[in-house]
Protein backbone atom coordinates (compact mmCIF):
# COMPACT_ATOMS: atom_id res chain seq x y z
CA MET A 1 3.14 6.83 35.50
CA PRO A 2 5.76 5.27 33.12
CA LEU A 3 3.26 2.56 32.11
CA LEU A 4 0.73 5.25 31.29
CA ILE A 5 3.17 6.86 28.83
CA VAL A 6 3.74 3.53 27.08
CA LEU A 7 0.00 2.88 26.85
CA TYR A 8 -0.53 6.38 25.50
CA LEU A 9 2.16 5.90 22.83
CA PHE A 10 0.71 2.49 21.92
CA PHE A 11 -2.76 4.01 21.51
CA ILE A 12 -1.38 6.84 19.39
CA GLY A 13 0.53 4.26 17.33
CA ILE A 14 -2.64 2.30 16.62
CA LEU A 15 -4.33 5.53 15.55
CA ALA A 16 -1.34 6.36 13.32
CA LEU A 17 -1.55 2.93 11.67
CA LEU A 18 -5.26 3.38 11.05
CA ALA A 19 -4.74 6.88 9.68
CA GLN A 20 -1.93 5.59 7.48
CA MET A 21 -4.26 2.97 6.02
CA ILE A 22 -7.51 4.92 5.72
CA LEU A 23 -6.67 8.55 4.93
CA PRO A 24 -4.75 7.97 1.66
CA VAL A 25 -7.74 6.00 0.33
CA ILE A 26 -10.10 8.88 1.13
CA PHE A 27 -7.66 11.59 0.02
CA PRO A 28 -5.41 10.23 -2.79
CA ALA A 29 -3.26 13.37 -2.75
CA LEU A 30 -1.82 12.27 0.60
CA SER A 31 -0.08 9.33 -1.08
CA ILE A 32 1.73 11.74 -3.35
CA VAL A 33 3.30 13.63 -0.45
CA GLY A 34 4.29 10.43 1.38
CA PHE A 35 1.70 10.52 4.15
CA ASP A 36 1.01 6.81 3.79
CA SER A 37 4.52 5.86 4.89
CA ALA A 38 5.58 8.54 7.37
CA MET A 39 3.22 8.31 10.32
CA VAL A 40 4.64 5.26 12.13
CA PRO A 41 8.36 6.12 11.70
CA LEU A 42 7.72 9.63 13.06
CA LEU A 43 5.92 8.12 16.04
CA VAL A 44 8.85 5.74 16.64
CA ILE A 45 11.24 8.70 16.63
CA TYR A 46 9.05 10.57 19.10
CA ALA A 47 8.65 7.52 21.36
CA SER A 48 12.40 6.90 21.35
CA LEU A 49 13.14 10.48 22.33
CA GLU A 50 10.38 10.56 24.93
CA LEU A 51 11.06 7.21 26.60
CA GLY A 52 14.83 6.97 26.14
CA ASP A 53 15.13 3.40 27.43
CA GLU A 54 14.56 -0.22 26.41
CA ARG A 55 10.79 0.24 26.11
CA ALA A 56 11.15 2.32 22.93
CA PRO A 57 12.78 -0.38 20.73
CA ILE A 58 10.22 -2.92 21.93
CA LEU A 59 7.40 -0.55 21.04
CA ALA A 60 9.08 0.13 17.69
CA GLY A 61 9.26 -3.60 16.99
CA ILE A 62 5.56 -4.02 17.76
CA PHE A 63 4.68 -1.11 15.47
CA GLY A 64 6.93 -2.60 12.78
CA LEU A 65 5.14 -5.94 12.94
CA LEU A 66 1.77 -4.24 12.81
CA LEU A 67 2.98 -2.15 9.88
CA ASP A 68 4.07 -5.31 8.06
CA LEU A 69 0.56 -6.72 8.41
CA ILE A 70 -0.86 -3.92 6.25
CA PRO A 71 -1.50 -5.39 2.75
CA PRO A 72 1.05 -3.51 0.56
CA HIS A 73 3.93 -4.79 2.74
CA HIS A 74 5.02 -8.28 1.77
CA HIS A 75 8.04 -8.93 4.00
CA LEU A 76 6.98 -9.75 7.53
CA GLY A 77 9.52 -8.52 10.04
CA VAL A 78 11.55 -6.15 7.87
CA SER A 79 9.81 -3.02 9.16
CA ALA A 80 10.15 -4.32 12.71
CA LEU A 81 13.91 -4.70 12.30
CA ILE A 82 14.34 -1.31 10.66
CA LEU A 83 12.20 0.60 13.17
CA SER A 84 13.84 -1.19 16.12
CA ALA A 85 17.30 -0.33 14.77
CA VAL A 86 16.35 3.32 14.37
CA SER A 87 14.91 3.35 17.87
CA LEU A 88 18.04 1.72 19.34
CA MET A 89 20.22 4.32 17.64
CA ILE A 90 18.14 7.17 19.07
CA VAL A 91 17.93 5.63 22.55
CA SER A 92 21.71 5.15 22.62
CA GLN A 93 22.08 8.91 22.14
CA ALA A 94 19.25 9.91 24.52
CA HIS A 95 21.40 9.92 27.65
CA LYS A 96 23.89 12.44 26.32
CA PRO A 97 23.39 16.02 27.56
CA GLU A 98 23.11 17.52 24.08
CA SER A 99 20.13 15.27 23.30
CA HIS A 100 17.91 17.46 25.47
CA HIS A 101 18.23 20.44 23.13
CA TRP A 102 15.47 21.04 20.61
CA LEU A 103 17.90 21.30 17.68
CA PHE A 104 19.27 17.81 18.37
CA ARG A 105 15.74 16.34 18.47
CA LEU A 106 14.73 18.20 15.35
CA THR A 107 17.76 16.75 13.54
CA TYR A 108 16.49 13.23 14.18
CA VAL A 109 13.05 14.05 12.82
């Protein structure tokens, strides 16, 4: 069951990367509101809150490397470091009792 959650989040992450690349080209107004840069970080936040263990920063690092391969990004590895750091920060707080309240999770997003 835990492997199924990771595979699900990986699949959703690939879809988010594709949407982040394709949709702003089709609908230029999405670039104005920041859609082209928000999909993957929001998924990393969700994965970190959902998983709450060492799998989340690894998944965030993979998404960061894939994000760096998209043409506008020129620094390979920077997004991986940033998303992994964000994920580690969230995972370190995930085991505290207050992290299970909706207001705490909404604050991260």
